[in-house]
Amino acid sequence: MISVTCAVIRNEEKEILVVQRGEATDHPFKWEFPGGKLAPEETEEECVIREVEEELAMKIVICGKLATVDHDYGHKQIRLIPFICDTPNELPFLSEHIAYKWVEEKDLMTLDFSEADIFVAISYLGRIKNDS
């Protein structure tokens, strides 16, 4: 089981940042929430902050945590640890992904997400509905 963090990043308009994987990845052209593998001796919070900085050159503030998602892709099993984050930045600098977009919450489920990220999106939408 590979532990991976991801960030559901909101901007001031409450849009969500999603990024698209490239062709030469294990989930070609799928959309996902940015993040990456937990390093040894690293906390989950340190990991998500580091990964977003490395992948997008963005600063984030962690505002909450969603339920962990365990998912079996067949060739690998991941434990996806999602965080709700805010950012003052509007323009990510892509170093690993081929595209990004800011999506309104109501449009989140229209994206072609990687399978584990679908559960993160559902969890996030459930959280904001309960907070309303």
N, C-alpha and C. Protein backbone atom coordinates (compact mmCIF):
# COMPACT_ATOMS: atom_id res chain seq x y z
N MET A 1 0.86 -1.18 0.00
CA MET A 1 0.00 0.00 0.00
C MET A 1 0.90 1.24 0.00
N ILE A 2 0.71 2.10 -0.98
CA ILE A 2 1.48 3.33 -1.11
C ILE A 2 0.66 4.47 -0.52
N SER A 3 1.23 5.20 0.43
CA SER A 3 0.55 6.36 1.02
C SER A 3 0.83 7.60 0.18
N VAL A 4 -0.25 8.26 -0.22
CA VAL A 4 -0.18 9.42 -1.10
C VAL A 4 -1.09 10.50 -0.52
N THR A 5 -0.62 11.74 -0.51
CA THR A 5 -1.48 12.85 -0.09
C THR A 5 -1.97 13.59 -1.32
N CYS A 6 -3.08 14.29 -1.17
CA CYS A 6 -3.56 15.17 -2.24
C CYS A 6 -4.24 16.38 -1.62
N ALA A 7 -4.30 17.44 -2.42
CA ALA A 7 -4.86 18.70 -1.94
C ALA A 7 -6.06 19.11 -2.79
N VAL A 8 -7.19 19.33 -2.13
CA VAL A 8 -8.35 19.94 -2.76
C VAL A 8 -8.16 21.44 -2.51
N ILE A 9 -7.58 22.13 -3.51
CA ILE A 9 -7.17 23.53 -3.34
C ILE A 9 -8.27 24.45 -3.84
N ARG A 10 -8.70 25.36 -2.93
CA ARG A 10 -9.75 26.33 -3.26
C ARG A 10 -9.12 27.71 -3.45
N ASN A 11 -9.66 28.49 -4.39
CA ASN A 11 -9.24 29.87 -4.52
C ASN A 11 -10.26 30.78 -3.84
N GLU A 12 -10.08 32.09 -3.99
CA GLU A 12 -10.98 33.04 -3.32
C GLU A 12 -12.41 32.97 -3.84
N GLU A 13 -12.59 32.48 -5.07
CA GLU A 13 -13.94 32.32 -5.64
C GLU A 13 -14.55 30.97 -5.29
N LYS A 14 -13.85 30.19 -4.45
CA LYS A 14 -14.27 28.84 -4.05
C LYS A 14 -14.26 27.85 -5.21
N GLU A 15 -13.47 28.14 -6.25
CA GLU A 15 -13.25 27.17 -7.30
C GLU A 15 -12.17 26.19 -6.83
N ILE A 16 -12.14 25.00 -7.44
CA ILE A 16 -11.22 23.94 -7.05
C ILE A 16 -10.19 23.74 -8.16
N LEU A 17 -8.92 23.62 -7.78
CA LEU A 17 -7.85 23.38 -8.74
C LEU A 17 -7.72 21.89 -9.02
N VAL A 18 -7.75 21.53 -10.30
CA VAL A 18 -7.50 20.16 -10.72
C VAL A 18 -6.39 20.19 -11.77
N VAL A 19 -5.64 19.09 -11.83
CA VAL A 19 -4.53 19.00 -12.78
C VAL A 19 -4.69 17.72 -13.60
N GLN A 20 -4.14 17.76 -14.83
CA GLN A 20 -4.30 16.63 -15.74
C GLN A 20 -2.97 15.92 -15.94
N ARG A 21 -3.01 14.61 -15.84
CA ARG A 21 -1.82 13.78 -16.03
C ARG A 21 -1.48 13.68 -17.52
N GLY A 22 -0.20 13.43 -17.79
CA GLY A 22 0.27 13.31 -19.17
C GLY A 22 0.02 11.93 -19.75
N GLU A 23 0.40 11.78 -21.00
CA GLU A 23 0.18 10.53 -21.73
C GLU A 23 1.03 9.39 -21.19
N ALA A 24 2.26 9.69 -20.76
CA ALA A 24 3.20 8.64 -20.33
C ALA A 24 3.10 8.35 -18.83
N THR A 25 1.89 8.34 -18.30
CA THR A 25 1.68 8.05 -16.88
C THR A 25 0.79 6.82 -16.75
N ASP A 26 0.63 6.34 -15.53
CA ASP A 26 -0.22 5.16 -15.35
C ASP A 26 -1.72 5.47 -15.40
N HIS A 27 -2.08 6.75 -15.47
CA HIS A 27 -3.47 7.16 -15.65
C HIS A 27 -3.49 8.29 -16.70
N PRO A 28 -3.20 7.95 -17.97
CA PRO A 28 -3.05 8.99 -18.99
C PRO A 28 -4.28 9.87 -19.15
N PHE A 29 -4.00 11.18 -19.14
CA PHE A 29 -4.99 12.23 -19.40
C PHE A 29 -6.12 12.32 -18.36
N LYS A 30 -6.00 11.61 -17.26
CA LYS A 30 -7.00 11.71 -16.20
C LYS A 30 -6.75 12.97 -15.38
N TRP A 31 -7.82 13.51 -14.82
CA TRP A 31 -7.73 14.65 -13.92
C TRP A 31 -7.54 14.15 -12.50
N GLU A 32 -6.89 14.94 -11.68
CA GLU A 32 -6.65 14.55 -10.29
C GLU A 32 -6.44 15.80 -9.44
N PHE A 33 -6.45 15.58 -8.14
CA PHE A 33 -6.06 16.61 -7.20
C PHE A 33 -4.55 16.49 -7.02
N PRO A 34 -3.83 17.60 -6.99
CA PRO A 34 -2.37 17.52 -6.90
C PRO A 34 -1.90 16.92 -5.58
N GLY A 35 -0.76 16.26 -5.63
CA GLY A 35 -0.18 15.65 -4.43
C GLY A 35 0.85 14.62 -4.81
N GLY A 36 1.23 13.80 -3.85
CA GLY A 36 2.23 12.79 -4.15
C GLY A 36 2.54 11.91 -2.96
N LYS A 37 3.55 11.07 -3.16
CA LYS A 37 3.91 10.04 -2.18
C LYS A 37 4.51 10.61 -0.91
N LEU A 38 4.11 10.00 0.18
CA LEU A 38 4.62 10.33 1.50
C LEU A 38 6.06 9.82 1.61
N ALA A 39 6.98 10.69 1.98
CA ALA A 39 8.39 10.31 2.15
C ALA A 39 8.59 9.78 3.58
N PRO A 40 9.62 8.94 3.78
CA PRO A 40 9.91 8.46 5.13
C PRO A 40 10.18 9.63 6.08
N GLU A 41 9.72 9.50 7.31
CA GLU A 41 9.94 10.53 8.34
C GLU A 41 9.21 11.84 8.05
N GLU A 42 8.22 11.83 7.16
CA GLU A 42 7.49 13.03 6.80
C GLU A 42 6.05 12.90 7.29
N THR A 43 5.49 13.97 7.85
CA THR A 43 4.08 13.92 8.23
C THR A 43 3.22 14.07 6.98
N GLU A 44 1.96 13.70 7.08
CA GLU A 44 1.04 13.84 5.96
C GLU A 44 0.91 15.31 5.56
N GLU A 45 0.85 16.19 6.55
CA GLU A 45 0.73 17.62 6.28
C GLU A 45 1.97 18.16 5.58
N GLU A 46 3.15 17.76 6.05
CA GLU A 46 4.40 18.18 5.40
C GLU A 46 4.44 17.70 3.95
N CYS A 47 3.96 16.49 3.73
CA CYS A 47 3.97 15.90 2.39
C CYS A 47 3.10 16.69 1.43
N VAL A 48 1.87 16.99 1.80
CA VAL A 48 0.97 17.68 0.87
C VAL A 48 1.49 19.08 0.56
N ILE A 49 2.03 19.77 1.56
CA ILE A 49 2.60 21.10 1.34
C ILE A 49 3.81 21.01 0.40
N ARG A 50 4.70 20.03 0.63
CA ARG A 50 5.89 19.86 -0.21
C ARG A 50 5.51 19.50 -1.64
N GLU A 51 4.59 18.56 -1.79
CA GLU A 51 4.21 18.11 -3.13
C GLU A 51 3.58 19.23 -3.96
N VAL A 52 2.71 20.02 -3.36
CA VAL A 52 2.08 21.13 -4.08
C VAL A 52 3.14 22.17 -4.46
N GLU A 53 4.07 22.43 -3.57
CA GLU A 53 5.17 23.35 -3.88
C GLU A 53 6.01 22.82 -5.03
N GLU A 54 6.36 21.53 -5.00
CA GLU A 54 7.19 20.94 -6.05
C GLU A 54 6.46 20.86 -7.39
N GLU A 55 5.21 20.42 -7.39
CA GLU A 55 4.47 20.21 -8.63
C GLU A 55 3.92 21.49 -9.25
N LEU A 56 3.55 22.45 -8.40
CA LEU A 56 2.82 23.62 -8.89
C LEU A 56 3.44 24.97 -8.51
N ALA A 57 4.47 24.96 -7.66
CA ALA A 57 5.09 26.19 -7.15
C ALA A 57 4.04 27.09 -6.50
N MET A 58 3.17 26.47 -5.71
CA MET A 58 2.11 27.20 -5.02
C MET A 58 2.21 27.02 -3.52
N LYS A 59 1.83 28.05 -2.80
CA LYS A 59 1.71 27.98 -1.35
C LYS A 59 0.27 27.62 -1.01
N ILE A 60 0.12 26.75 -0.01
CA ILE A 60 -1.22 26.38 0.43
C ILE A 60 -1.31 26.47 1.95
N VAL A 61 -2.54 26.61 2.42
CA VAL A 61 -2.85 26.58 3.84
C VAL A 61 -3.85 25.44 4.03
N ILE A 62 -3.51 24.50 4.89
CA ILE A 62 -4.41 23.37 5.15
C ILE A 62 -5.56 23.85 6.04
N CYS A 63 -6.79 23.58 5.58
CA CYS A 63 -7.99 24.00 6.30
C CYS A 63 -8.78 22.84 6.88
N GLY A 64 -8.49 21.64 6.42
CA GLY A 64 -9.23 20.48 6.90
C GLY A 64 -8.72 19.21 6.24
N LYS A 65 -9.27 18.10 6.67
CA LYS A 65 -8.87 16.81 6.14
C LYS A 65 -10.13 16.02 5.82
N LEU A 66 -10.07 15.28 4.70
CA LEU A 66 -11.18 14.43 4.30
C LEU A 66 -10.86 12.98 4.64
N ALA A 67 -11.84 12.11 4.50
CA ALA A 67 -11.65 10.69 4.77
C ALA A 67 -10.61 10.10 3.82
N THR A 68 -9.78 9.25 4.36
CA THR A 68 -8.76 8.55 3.58
C THR A 68 -9.44 7.57 2.62
N VAL A 69 -8.88 7.44 1.41
CA VAL A 69 -9.41 6.54 0.39
C VAL A 69 -8.38 5.45 0.13
N ASP A 70 -8.74 4.20 0.37
CA ASP A 70 -7.90 3.06 -0.02
C ASP A 70 -8.43 2.56 -1.36
N HIS A 71 -7.53 2.47 -2.34
CA HIS A 71 -7.98 2.05 -3.67
C HIS A 71 -6.98 1.09 -4.30
N ASP A 72 -7.50 0.05 -4.93
CA ASP A 72 -6.69 -0.95 -5.62
C ASP A 72 -6.83 -0.73 -7.12
N TYR A 73 -5.74 -0.28 -7.75
CA TYR A 73 -5.73 -0.07 -9.20
C TYR A 73 -5.36 -1.35 -9.95
N GLY A 74 -5.17 -2.44 -9.23
CA GLY A 74 -4.77 -3.68 -9.87
C GLY A 74 -3.25 -3.82 -9.86
N HIS A 75 -2.57 -2.88 -10.48
CA HIS A 75 -1.10 -2.91 -10.51
C HIS A 75 -0.48 -2.26 -9.28
N LYS A 76 -1.28 -1.50 -8.53
CA LYS A 76 -0.80 -0.91 -7.28
C LYS A 76 -1.99 -0.56 -6.40
N GLN A 77 -1.72 -0.52 -5.09
CA GLN A 77 -2.74 -0.11 -4.13
C GLN A 77 -2.26 1.16 -3.47
N ILE A 78 -3.17 2.13 -3.37
CA ILE A 78 -2.80 3.39 -2.73
C ILE A 78 -3.72 3.71 -1.57
N ARG A 79 -3.19 4.44 -0.64
CA ARG A 79 -3.97 5.05 0.43
C ARG A 79 -3.87 6.55 0.18
N LEU A 80 -4.96 7.14 -0.29
CA LEU A 80 -5.00 8.55 -0.66
C LEU A 80 -5.50 9.36 0.54
N ILE A 81 -4.68 10.30 0.97
CA ILE A 81 -4.95 11.10 2.16
C ILE A 81 -5.22 12.54 1.70
N PRO A 82 -6.50 12.94 1.62
CA PRO A 82 -6.84 14.25 1.06
C PRO A 82 -6.99 15.35 2.12
N PHE A 83 -6.52 16.52 1.75
CA PHE A 83 -6.62 17.71 2.58
C PHE A 83 -7.38 18.80 1.82
N ILE A 84 -8.20 19.56 2.53
CA ILE A 84 -8.83 20.75 1.97
C ILE A 84 -7.88 21.90 2.24
N CYS A 85 -7.54 22.64 1.19
CA CYS A 85 -6.55 23.71 1.31
C CYS A 85 -7.03 24.97 0.62
N ASP A 86 -6.58 26.09 1.11
CA ASP A 86 -6.79 27.38 0.44
C ASP A 86 -5.45 27.87 -0.07
N THR A 87 -5.50 28.76 -1.07
CA THR A 87 -4.27 29.33 -1.60
C THR A 87 -4.51 30.78 -2.01
N PRO A 88 -3.49 31.62 -1.84
CA PRO A 88 -3.59 32.98 -2.36
C PRO A 88 -3.15 33.03 -3.83
N ASN A 89 -2.56 31.95 -4.33
CA ASN A 89 -2.03 31.91 -5.70
C ASN A 89 -3.12 31.54 -6.70
N GLU A 90 -3.08 32.14 -7.87
CA GLU A 90 -4.05 31.84 -8.91
C GLU A 90 -3.43 31.03 -10.06
N LEU A 91 -2.13 31.18 -10.26
CA LEU A 91 -1.49 30.57 -11.41
C LEU A 91 -0.44 29.55 -11.00
N PRO A 92 -0.78 28.29 -11.09
CA PRO A 92 0.23 27.27 -10.80
C PRO A 92 1.24 27.19 -11.95
N PHE A 93 2.45 26.78 -11.61
CA PHE A 93 3.48 26.51 -12.60
C PHE A 93 3.57 24.99 -12.72
N LEU A 94 3.19 24.46 -13.87
CA LEU A 94 3.13 23.01 -14.04
C LEU A 94 4.51 22.42 -14.31
N SER A 95 4.92 21.47 -13.47
CA SER A 95 6.19 20.78 -13.70
C SER A 95 5.99 19.29 -14.01
N GLU A 96 4.83 18.73 -13.63
CA GLU A 96 4.58 17.31 -13.85
C GLU A 96 3.30 17.03 -14.63
N HIS A 97 2.41 17.98 -14.71
CA HIS A 97 1.12 17.79 -15.36
C HIS A 97 1.07 18.55 -16.68
N ILE A 98 0.11 18.18 -17.54
CA ILE A 98 0.02 18.83 -18.85
C ILE A 98 -1.00 19.97 -18.88
N ALA A 99 -1.89 20.03 -17.88
CA ALA A 99 -2.90 21.07 -17.85
C ALA A 99 -3.43 21.24 -16.43
N TYR A 100 -4.04 22.39 -16.20
CA TYR A 100 -4.74 22.64 -14.95
C TYR A 100 -5.98 23.46 -15.27
N LYS A 101 -6.92 23.45 -14.37
CA LYS A 101 -8.05 24.38 -14.48
C LYS A 101 -8.69 24.55 -13.12
N TRP A 102 -9.30 25.71 -12.96
CA TRP A 102 -10.10 26.00 -11.77
C TRP A 102 -11.55 25.65 -12.12
N VAL A 103 -12.15 24.81 -11.31
CA VAL A 103 -13.49 24.29 -11.60
C VAL A 103 -14.45 24.70 -10.49
N GLU A 104 -15.64 25.12 -10.89
CA GLU A 104 -16.67 25.41 -9.89
C GLU A 104 -17.07 24.11 -9.21
N GLU A 105 -17.42 24.20 -7.95
CA GLU A 105 -17.80 23.01 -7.19
C GLU A 105 -18.88 22.20 -7.90
N LYS A 106 -19.86 22.88 -8.48
CA LYS A 106 -20.98 22.19 -9.14
C LYS A 106 -20.54 21.39 -10.36
N ASP A 107 -19.37 21.71 -10.93
CA ASP A 107 -18.88 21.02 -12.12
C ASP A 107 -17.83 19.96 -11.83
N LEU A 108 -17.49 19.78 -10.57
CA LEU A 108 -16.41 18.88 -10.20
C LEU A 108 -16.63 17.45 -10.70
N MET A 109 -17.84 16.94 -10.60
CA MET A 109 -18.11 15.55 -10.96
C MET A 109 -18.24 15.33 -12.47
N THR A 110 -18.06 16.38 -13.27
CA THR A 110 -18.10 16.21 -14.73
C THR A 110 -16.73 15.84 -15.28
N LEU A 111 -15.70 15.88 -14.44
CA LEU A 111 -14.34 15.61 -14.90
C LEU A 111 -14.05 14.12 -14.98
N ASP A 112 -13.13 13.76 -15.85
CA ASP A 112 -12.68 12.38 -15.99
C ASP A 112 -11.53 12.16 -15.00
N PHE A 113 -11.89 11.93 -13.74
CA PHE A 113 -10.91 11.77 -12.66
C PHE A 113 -10.28 10.39 -12.67
N SER A 114 -9.06 10.30 -12.11
CA SER A 114 -8.51 9.00 -11.73
C SER A 114 -9.46 8.42 -10.68
N GLU A 115 -9.56 7.09 -10.63
CA GLU A 115 -10.59 6.45 -9.81
C GLU A 115 -10.59 6.87 -8.34
N ALA A 116 -9.43 6.88 -7.70
CA ALA A 116 -9.39 7.25 -6.28
C ALA A 116 -9.81 8.70 -6.07
N ASP A 117 -9.51 9.56 -7.03
CA ASP A 117 -9.86 10.98 -6.90
C ASP A 117 -11.36 11.21 -6.99
N ILE A 118 -12.09 10.31 -7.63
CA ILE A 118 -13.56 10.41 -7.67
C ILE A 118 -14.10 10.39 -6.24
N PHE A 119 -13.56 9.49 -5.42
CA PHE A 119 -14.03 9.38 -4.04
C PHE A 119 -13.67 10.62 -3.22
N VAL A 120 -12.54 11.23 -3.52
CA VAL A 120 -12.15 12.48 -2.85
C VAL A 120 -13.13 13.59 -3.23
N ALA A 121 -13.46 13.68 -4.50
CA ALA A 121 -14.41 14.71 -4.95
C ALA A 121 -15.77 14.52 -4.29
N ILE A 122 -16.25 13.29 -4.22
CA ILE A 122 -17.54 13.00 -3.57
C ILE A 122 -17.48 13.39 -2.09
N SER A 123 -16.39 13.05 -1.44
CA SER A 123 -16.22 13.37 -0.02
C SER A 123 -16.20 14.88 0.20
N TYR A 124 -15.49 15.59 -0.66
CA TYR A 124 -15.42 17.05 -0.54
C TYR A 124 -16.81 17.67 -0.74
N LEU A 125 -17.52 17.26 -1.78
CA LEU A 125 -18.84 17.81 -2.03
C LEU A 125 -19.80 17.51 -0.89
N GLY A 126 -19.69 16.33 -0.30
CA GLY A 126 -20.50 16.00 0.87
C GLY A 126 -20.17 16.90 2.06
N ARG A 127 -18.90 17.19 2.23
CA ARG A 127 -18.47 18.06 3.33
C ARG A 127 -19.02 19.47 3.18
N ILE A 128 -18.89 20.04 1.97
CA ILE A 128 -19.36 21.43 1.80
C ILE A 128 -20.88 21.52 1.87
N LYS A 129 -21.56 20.45 1.44
CA LYS A 129 -23.04 20.44 1.54
C LYS A 129 -23.44 20.44 3.01
N ASN A 130 -22.75 19.66 3.83
CA ASN A 130 -23.07 19.60 5.26
C ASN A 130 -22.69 20.88 5.99
N ASP A 131 -21.69 21.61 5.46
CA ASP A 131 -21.25 22.86 6.08
C ASP A 131 -22.17 24.02 5.73
N SER A 132 -23.01 23.84 4.70
CA SER A 132 -23.89 24.93 4.24
C SER A 132 -25.06 25.14 5.17
